[in-house]
Amino acid sequence: MQVSSDEIPRFVGVKLSEHQVNLHEILALLDLLAAHPDCLELIGVQPAHFRFAEPLSPEVSAAVDTVTQLISRRLEAATCH
């Protein structure tokens, strides 16, 4: 799926921990700092479920190499779409 940065809502919410930073908050903070990147590309893996303090599922573990290779190729290409 491809969306432009402008299509992603920005907001800052209440946090219980400094580890609870999400994409929406990062984009909102970039707006506040007027530090917009020339290009923003997100690559991720959607887990089937979240369980606190559990290891990665076999499906997510299997995707790590693929995602790492994809990120490396995108960085080498250094182009925005």
PDB file of N, CA and C in Angstrom:
ATOM      1  N   MET A   1       0.849  -1.164   0.000  1.00  0.00           N
ATOM      2  CA  MET A   1       0.000   0.000   0.000  1.00  0.00           C
ATOM      3  C   MET A   1       0.896   1.228   0.000  1.00  0.00           C
ATOM      4  N   GLN A   2       0.522   2.220  -0.755  1.00  0.00           N
ATOM      5  CA  GLN A   2       1.301   3.445  -0.824  1.00  0.00           C
ATOM      6  C   GLN A   2       0.404   4.634  -0.532  1.00  0.00           C
ATOM      7  N   VAL A   3       0.811   5.475   0.408  1.00  0.00           N
ATOM      8  CA  VAL A   3       0.086   6.696   0.735  1.00  0.00           C
ATOM      9  C   VAL A   3       1.098   7.819   0.863  1.00  0.00           C
ATOM     10  N   SER A   4       0.632   9.027   0.669  1.00  0.00           N
ATOM     11  CA  SER A   4       1.532  10.161   0.853  1.00  0.00           C
ATOM     12  C   SER A   4       1.573  10.522   2.332  1.00  0.00           C
ATOM     13  N   SER A   5       2.622  11.217   2.722  1.00  0.00           N
ATOM     14  CA  SER A   5       2.778  11.630   4.117  1.00  0.00           C
ATOM     15  C   SER A   5       1.597  12.482   4.573  1.00  0.00           C
ATOM     16  N   ASP A   6       1.038  13.293   3.673  1.00  0.00           N
ATOM     17  CA  ASP A   6      -0.084  14.158   4.026  1.00  0.00           C
ATOM     18  C   ASP A   6      -1.350  13.382   4.373  1.00  0.00           C
ATOM     19  N   GLU A   7      -1.438  12.130   3.937  1.00  0.00           N
ATOM     20  CA  GLU A   7      -2.625  11.317   4.194  1.00  0.00           C
ATOM     21  C   GLU A   7      -2.607  10.649   5.570  1.00  0.00           C
ATOM     22  N   ILE A   8      -1.491  10.748   6.281  1.00  0.00           N
ATOM     23  CA  ILE A   8      -1.369  10.106   7.585  1.00  0.00           C
ATOM     24  C   ILE A   8      -1.685  11.125   8.668  1.00  0.00           C
ATOM     25  N   PRO A   9      -2.685  10.852   9.514  1.00  0.00           N
ATOM     26  CA  PRO A   9      -3.037  11.806  10.559  1.00  0.00           C
ATOM     27  C   PRO A   9      -1.883  12.012  11.541  1.00  0.00           C
ATOM     28  N   ARG A  10      -1.841  13.197  12.104  1.00  0.00           N
ATOM     29  CA  ARG A  10      -0.831  13.525  13.094  1.00  0.00           C
ATOM     30  C   ARG A  10      -1.517  13.829  14.414  1.00  0.00           C
ATOM     31  N   PHE A  11      -0.987  13.283  15.471  1.00  0.00           N
ATOM     32  CA  PHE A  11      -1.496  13.601  16.805  1.00  0.00           C
ATOM     33  C   PHE A  11      -0.490  13.133  17.845  1.00  0.00           C
ATOM     34  N   VAL A  12      -0.596  13.717  19.010  1.00  0.00           N
ATOM     35  CA  VAL A  12       0.233  13.320  20.141  1.00  0.00           C
ATOM     36  C   VAL A  12      -0.718  12.889  21.237  1.00  0.00           C
ATOM     37  N   GLY A  13      -0.489  11.708  21.777  1.00  0.00           N
ATOM     38  CA  GLY A  13      -1.370  11.185  22.800  1.00  0.00           C
ATOM     39  C   GLY A  13      -0.678  11.041  24.140  1.00  0.00           C
ATOM     40  N   VAL A  14      -1.425  10.634  25.130  1.00  0.00           N
ATOM     41  CA  VAL A  14      -0.901  10.398  26.473  1.00  0.00           C
ATOM     42  C   VAL A  14      -0.046   9.136  26.440  1.00  0.00           C
ATOM     43  N   LYS A  15       1.102   9.200  27.079  1.00  0.00           N
ATOM     44  CA  LYS A  15       2.028   8.074  27.104  1.00  0.00           C
ATOM     45  C   LYS A  15       2.211   7.575  28.537  1.00  0.00           C
ATOM     46  N   LEU A  16       2.276   6.282  28.690  1.00  0.00           N
ATOM     47  CA  LEU A  16       2.599   5.687  29.976  1.00  0.00           C
ATOM     48  C   LEU A  16       4.097   5.426  30.073  1.00  0.00           C
ATOM     49  N   SER A  17       4.772   5.466  28.904  1.00  0.00           N
ATOM     50  CA  SER A  17       6.202   5.203  28.849  1.00  0.00           C
ATOM     51  C   SER A  17       6.788   5.927  27.651  1.00  0.00           C
ATOM     52  N   GLU A  18       8.060   6.305  27.729  1.00  0.00           N
ATOM     53  CA  GLU A  18       8.723   6.943  26.584  1.00  0.00           C
ATOM     54  C   GLU A  18       8.903   5.973  25.419  1.00  0.00           C
ATOM     55  N   HIS A  19       8.623   4.707  25.637  1.00  0.00           N
ATOM     56  CA  HIS A  19       8.726   3.708  24.578  1.00  0.00           C
ATOM     57  C   HIS A  19       7.466   3.656  23.706  1.00  0.00           C
ATOM     58  N   GLN A  20       6.456   4.407  24.054  1.00  0.00           N
ATOM     59  CA  GLN A  20       5.189   4.369  23.333  1.00  0.00           C
ATOM     60  C   GLN A  20       5.088   5.437  22.246  1.00  0.00           C
ATOM     61  N   VAL A  21       6.120   5.614  21.485  1.00  0.00           N
ATOM     62  CA  VAL A  21       6.103   6.578  20.392  1.00  0.00           C
ATOM     63  C   VAL A  21       5.545   5.875  19.156  1.00  0.00           C
ATOM     64  N   ASN A  22       4.648   6.555  18.453  1.00  0.00           N
ATOM     65  CA  ASN A  22       4.094   5.952  17.244  1.00  0.00           C
ATOM     66  C   ASN A  22       4.313   6.879  16.045  1.00  0.00           C
ATOM     67  N   LEU A  23       3.984   6.378  14.887  1.00  0.00           N
ATOM     68  CA  LEU A  23       4.191   7.123  13.647  1.00  0.00           C
ATOM     69  C   LEU A  23       3.470   8.460  13.663  1.00  0.00           C
ATOM     70  N   HIS A  24       2.252   8.492  14.137  1.00  0.00           N
ATOM     71  CA  HIS A  24       1.471   9.726  14.162  1.00  0.00           C
ATOM     72  C   HIS A  24       2.169  10.803  14.995  1.00  0.00           C
ATOM     73  N   GLU A  25       2.733  10.395  16.114  1.00  0.00           N
ATOM     74  CA  GLU A  25       3.432  11.344  16.974  1.00  0.00           C
ATOM     75  C   GLU A  25       4.725  11.827  16.318  1.00  0.00           C
ATOM     76  N   ILE A  26       5.458  10.945  15.688  1.00  0.00           N
ATOM     77  CA  ILE A  26       6.690  11.338  15.000  1.00  0.00           C
ATOM     78  C   ILE A  26       6.380  12.370  13.922  1.00  0.00           C
ATOM     79  N   LEU A  27       5.344  12.133  13.142  1.00  0.00           N
ATOM     80  CA  LEU A  27       4.977  13.082  12.085  1.00  0.00           C
ATOM     81  C   LEU A  27       4.532  14.418  12.671  1.00  0.00           C
ATOM     82  N   ALA A  28       3.790  14.386  13.780  1.00  0.00           N
ATOM     83  CA  ALA A  28       3.357  15.628  14.425  1.00  0.00           C
ATOM     84  C   ALA A  28       4.564  16.417  14.931  1.00  0.00           C
ATOM     85  N   LEU A  29       5.525  15.738  15.513  1.00  0.00           N
ATOM     86  CA  LEU A  29       6.713  16.422  16.014  1.00  0.00           C
ATOM     87  C   LEU A  29       7.556  16.984  14.873  1.00  0.00           C
ATOM     88  N   LEU A  30       7.655  16.256  13.766  1.00  0.00           N
ATOM     89  CA  LEU A  30       8.360  16.785  12.594  1.00  0.00           C
ATOM     90  C   LEU A  30       7.674  18.051  12.094  1.00  0.00           C
ATOM     91  N   ASP A  31       6.338  18.065  12.103  1.00  0.00           N
ATOM     92  CA  ASP A  31       5.599  19.270  11.709  1.00  0.00           C
ATOM     93  C   ASP A  31       5.938  20.436  12.631  1.00  0.00           C
ATOM     94  N   LEU A  32       5.928  20.184  13.940  1.00  0.00           N
ATOM     95  CA  LEU A  32       6.225  21.239  14.904  1.00  0.00           C
ATOM     96  C   LEU A  32       7.639  21.796  14.735  1.00  0.00           C
ATOM     97  N   LEU A  33       8.567  20.925  14.376  1.00  0.00           N
ATOM     98  CA  LEU A  33       9.959  21.344  14.207  1.00  0.00           C
ATOM     99  C   LEU A  33      10.260  21.853  12.801  1.00  0.00           C
ATOM    100  N   ALA A  34       9.263  21.805  11.913  1.00  0.00           N
ATOM    101  CA  ALA A  34       9.473  22.154  10.505  1.00  0.00           C
ATOM    102  C   ALA A  34      10.656  21.373   9.946  1.00  0.00           C
ATOM    103  N   ALA A  35      10.706  20.103  10.270  1.00  0.00           N
ATOM    104  CA  ALA A  35      11.811  19.234   9.861  1.00  0.00           C
ATOM    105  C   ALA A  35      11.299  18.111   8.966  1.00  0.00           C
ATOM    106  N   HIS A  36      10.583  18.494   7.945  1.00  0.00           N
ATOM    107  CA  HIS A  36       9.988  17.501   7.056  1.00  0.00           C
ATOM    108  C   HIS A  36      11.058  16.838   6.192  1.00  0.00           C
ATOM    109  N   PRO A  37      11.110  15.527   6.169  1.00  0.00           N
ATOM    110  CA  PRO A  37      12.069  14.865   5.285  1.00  0.00           C
ATOM    111  C   PRO A  37      11.633  15.024   3.830  1.00  0.00           C
ATOM    112  N   ASP A  38      12.587  15.002   2.918  1.00  0.00           N
ATOM    113  CA  ASP A  38      12.260  15.071   1.490  1.00  0.00           C
ATOM    114  C   ASP A  38      11.468  13.852   1.063  1.00  0.00           C
ATOM    115  N   CYS A  39      11.745  12.749   1.714  1.00  0.00           N
ATOM    116  CA  CYS A  39      11.104  11.488   1.335  1.00  0.00           C
ATOM    117  C   CYS A  39      10.799  10.713   2.611  1.00  0.00           C
ATOM    118  N   LEU A  40       9.646  10.108   2.639  1.00  0.00           N
ATOM    119  CA  LEU A  40       9.256   9.286   3.772  1.00  0.00           C
ATOM    120  C   LEU A  40       8.731   7.973   3.218  1.00  0.00           C
ATOM    121  N   GLU A  41       9.370   6.900   3.587  1.00  0.00           N
ATOM    122  CA  GLU A  41       8.945   5.587   3.117  1.00  0.00           C
ATOM    123  C   GLU A  41       8.909   4.654   4.315  1.00  0.00           C
ATOM    124  N   LEU A  42       7.797   4.009   4.524  1.00  0.00           N
ATOM    125  CA  LEU A  42       7.627   3.105   5.655  1.00  0.00           C
ATOM    126  C   LEU A  42       7.608   1.670   5.169  1.00  0.00           C
ATOM    127  N   ILE A  43       8.336   0.854   5.847  1.00  0.00           N
ATOM    128  CA  ILE A  43       8.371  -0.572   5.532  1.00  0.00           C
ATOM    129  C   ILE A  43       8.160  -1.302   6.850  1.00  0.00           C
ATOM    130  N   GLY A  44       7.244  -2.222   6.888  1.00  0.00           N
ATOM    131  CA  GLY A  44       6.985  -2.911   8.147  1.00  0.00           C
ATOM    132  C   GLY A  44       6.365  -4.269   7.945  1.00  0.00           C
ATOM    133  N   VAL A  45       6.129  -4.925   9.032  1.00  0.00           N
ATOM    134  CA  VAL A  45       5.507  -6.247   9.060  1.00  0.00           C
ATOM    135  C   VAL A  45       4.329  -6.163  10.020  1.00  0.00           C
ATOM    136  N   GLN A  46       3.184  -6.630   9.598  1.00  0.00           N
ATOM    137  CA  GLN A  46       1.991  -6.628  10.446  1.00  0.00           C
ATOM    138  C   GLN A  46       1.909  -7.956  11.197  1.00  0.00           C
ATOM    139  N   PRO A  47       2.127  -7.937  12.514  1.00  0.00           N
ATOM    140  CA  PRO A  47       2.020  -9.185  13.272  1.00  0.00           C
ATOM    141  C   PRO A  47       0.571  -9.630  13.409  1.00  0.00           C
ATOM    142  N   ALA A  48       0.374 -10.911  13.568  1.00  0.00           N
ATOM    143  CA  ALA A  48      -0.976 -11.449  13.754  1.00  0.00           C
ATOM    144  C   ALA A  48      -1.521 -11.079  15.129  1.00  0.00           C
ATOM    145  N   HIS A  49      -0.625 -10.950  16.129  1.00  0.00           N
ATOM    146  CA  HIS A  49      -1.042 -10.610  17.486  1.00  0.00           C
ATOM    147  C   HIS A  49       0.136 -10.018  18.245  1.00  0.00           C
ATOM    148  N   PHE A  50      -0.176  -9.319  19.333  1.00  0.00           N
ATOM    149  CA  PHE A  50       0.843  -8.768  20.211  1.00  0.00           C
ATOM    150  C   PHE A  50       0.719  -9.448  21.565  1.00  0.00           C
ATOM    151  N   ARG A  51       1.816  -9.917  22.058  1.00  0.00           N
ATOM    152  CA  ARG A  51       1.833 -10.482  23.410  1.00  0.00           C
ATOM    153  C   ARG A  51       3.053  -9.932  24.124  1.00  0.00           C
ATOM    154  N   PHE A  52       2.820  -9.300  25.260  1.00  0.00           N
ATOM    155  CA  PHE A  52       3.878  -8.676  26.024  1.00  0.00           C
ATOM    156  C   PHE A  52       4.927  -9.701  26.434  1.00  0.00           C
ATOM    157  N   ALA A  53       6.192  -9.353  26.242  1.00  0.00           N
ATOM    158  CA  ALA A  53       7.345 -10.155  26.661  1.00  0.00           C
ATOM    159  C   ALA A  53       7.416 -11.521  25.979  1.00  0.00           C
ATOM    160  N   GLU A  54       6.789 -11.672  24.833  1.00  0.00           N
ATOM    161  CA  GLU A  54       6.862 -12.909  24.069  1.00  0.00           C
ATOM    162  C   GLU A  54       7.859 -12.722  22.923  1.00  0.00           C
ATOM    163  N   PRO A  55       8.512 -13.776  22.483  1.00  0.00           N
ATOM    164  CA  PRO A  55       9.414 -13.652  21.334  1.00  0.00           C
ATOM    165  C   PRO A  55       8.613 -13.406  20.053  1.00  0.00           C
ATOM    166  N   LEU A  56       9.330 -13.036  19.005  1.00  0.00           N
ATOM    167  CA  LEU A  56       8.668 -12.844  17.712  1.00  0.00           C
ATOM    168  C   LEU A  56       8.011 -14.138  17.267  1.00  0.00           C
ATOM    169  N   SER A  57       6.885 -14.017  16.591  1.00  0.00           N
ATOM    170  CA  SER A  57       6.227 -15.204  16.043  1.00  0.00           C
ATOM    171  C   SER A  57       7.096 -15.756  14.905  1.00  0.00           C
ATOM    172  N   PRO A  58       6.926 -17.002  14.537  1.00  0.00           N
ATOM    173  CA  PRO A  58       7.696 -17.558  13.433  1.00  0.00           C
ATOM    174  C   PRO A  58       7.489 -16.778  12.126  1.00  0.00           C
ATOM    175  N   GLU A  59       6.266 -16.274  11.915  1.00  0.00           N
ATOM    176  CA  GLU A  59       5.978 -15.513  10.699  1.00  0.00           C
ATOM    177  C   GLU A  59       6.747 -14.193  10.660  1.00  0.00           C
ATOM    178  N   VAL A  60       6.766 -13.486  11.788  1.00  0.00           N
ATOM    179  CA  VAL A  60       7.493 -12.216  11.837  1.00  0.00           C
ATOM    180  C   VAL A  60       8.996 -12.477  11.773  1.00  0.00           C
ATOM    181  N   SER A  61       9.478 -13.477  12.474  1.00  0.00           N
ATOM    182  CA  SER A  61      10.902 -13.834  12.397  1.00  0.00           C
ATOM    183  C   SER A  61      11.318 -14.134  10.973  1.00  0.00           C
ATOM    184  N   ALA A  62      10.469 -14.846  10.241  1.00  0.00           N
ATOM    185  CA  ALA A  62      10.772 -15.196   8.856  1.00  0.00           C
ATOM    186  C   ALA A  62      10.811 -13.961   7.955  1.00  0.00           C
ATOM    187  N   ALA A  63      10.079 -12.914   8.323  1.00  0.00           N
ATOM    188  CA  ALA A  63      10.018 -11.698   7.494  1.00  0.00           C
ATOM    189  C   ALA A  63      11.196 -10.756   7.731  1.00  0.00           C
ATOM    190  N   VAL A  64      11.931 -10.932   8.819  1.00  0.00           N
ATOM    191  CA  VAL A  64      13.000  -9.993   9.174  1.00  0.00           C
ATOM    192  C   VAL A  64      14.047  -9.886   8.058  1.00  0.00           C
ATOM    193  N   ASP A  65      14.524 -10.996   7.536  1.00  0.00           N
ATOM    194  CA  ASP A  65      15.529 -10.950   6.471  1.00  0.00           C
ATOM    195  C   ASP A  65      14.994 -10.268   5.219  1.00  0.00           C
ATOM    196  N   THR A  66      13.767 -10.571   4.860  1.00  0.00           N
ATOM    197  CA  THR A  66      13.156  -9.962   3.682  1.00  0.00           C
ATOM    198  C   THR A  66      13.045  -8.457   3.844  1.00  0.00           C
ATOM    199  N   VAL A  67      12.576  -8.015   4.990  1.00  0.00           N
ATOM    200  CA  VAL A  67      12.419  -6.581   5.250  1.00  0.00           C
ATOM    201  C   VAL A  67      13.783  -5.900   5.283  1.00  0.00           C
ATOM    202  N   THR A  68      14.772  -6.527   5.904  1.00  0.00           N
ATOM    203  CA  THR A  68      16.122  -5.961   5.959  1.00  0.00           C
ATOM    204  C   THR A  68      16.695  -5.782   4.556  1.00  0.00           C
ATOM    205  N   GLN A  69      16.513  -6.767   3.710  1.00  0.00           N
ATOM    206  CA  GLN A  69      16.989  -6.667   2.327  1.00  0.00           C
ATOM    207  C   GLN A  69      16.257  -5.562   1.576  1.00  0.00           C
ATOM    208  N   LEU A  70      14.967  -5.460   1.778  1.00  0.00           N
ATOM    209  CA  LEU A  70      14.182  -4.423   1.113  1.00  0.00           C
ATOM    210  C   LEU A  70      14.653  -3.032   1.548  1.00  0.00           C
ATOM    211  N   ILE A  71      14.877  -2.850   2.827  1.00  0.00           N
ATOM    212  CA  ILE A  71      15.362  -1.566   3.329  1.00  0.00           C
ATOM    213  C   ILE A  71      16.731  -1.246   2.722  1.00  0.00           C
ATOM    214  N   SER A  72      17.609  -2.216   2.684  1.00  0.00           N
ATOM    215  CA  SER A  72      18.934  -1.995   2.098  1.00  0.00           C
ATOM    216  C   SER A  72      18.828  -1.578   0.637  1.00  0.00           C
ATOM    217  N   ARG A  73      17.976  -2.227  -0.122  1.00  0.00           N
ATOM    218  CA  ARG A  73      17.801  -1.874  -1.546  1.00  0.00           C
ATOM    219  C   ARG A  73      17.239  -0.461  -1.696  1.00  0.00           C
ATOM    220  N   ARG A  74      16.279  -0.101  -0.849  1.00  0.00           N
ATOM    221  CA  ARG A  74      15.681   1.235  -0.933  1.00  0.00           C
ATOM    222  C   ARG A  74      16.709   2.312  -0.566  1.00  0.00           C
ATOM    223  N   LEU A  75      17.533   2.053   0.429  1.00  0.00           N
ATOM    224  CA  LEU A  75      18.563   3.013   0.813  1.00  0.00           C
ATOM    225  C   LEU A  75      19.623   3.163  -0.282  1.00  0.00           C
ATOM    226  N   GLU A  76      20.001   2.057  -0.904  1.00  0.00           N
ATOM    227  CA  GLU A  76      20.961   2.125  -1.996  1.00  0.00           C
ATOM    228  C   GLU A  76      20.411   2.892  -3.183  1.00  0.00           C
ATOM    229  N   ALA A  77      19.123   2.715  -3.465  1.00  0.00           N
ATOM    230  CA  ALA A  77      18.492   3.410  -4.588  1.00  0.00           C
ATOM    231  C   ALA A  77      18.337   4.907  -4.277  1.00  0.00           C
ATOM    232  N   ALA A  78      18.089   5.222  -3.006  1.00  0.00           N
ATOM    233  CA  ALA A  78      17.951   6.608  -2.537  1.00  0.00           C
ATOM    234  C   ALA A  78      17.068   7.457  -3.433  1.00  0.00           C
ATOM    235  N   THR A  79      15.921   6.917  -3.795  1.00  0.00           N
ATOM    236  CA  THR A  79      14.958   7.667  -4.596  1.00  0.00           C
ATOM    237  C   THR A  79      13.608   7.677  -3.897  1.00  0.00           C
ATOM    238  N   CYS A  80      12.855   8.702  -4.127  1.00  0.00           N
ATOM    239  CA  CYS A  80      11.515   8.821  -3.576  1.00  0.00           C
ATOM    240  C   CYS A  80      10.500   8.610  -4.699  1.00  0.00           C
ATOM    241  N   HIS A  81       9.378   8.055  -4.334  1.00  0.00           N
ATOM    242  CA  HIS A  81       8.301   7.841  -5.314  1.00  0.00           C
ATOM    243  C   HIS A  81       7.174   8.798  -5.015  1.00  0.00           C
TER     244      HIS A  81
END
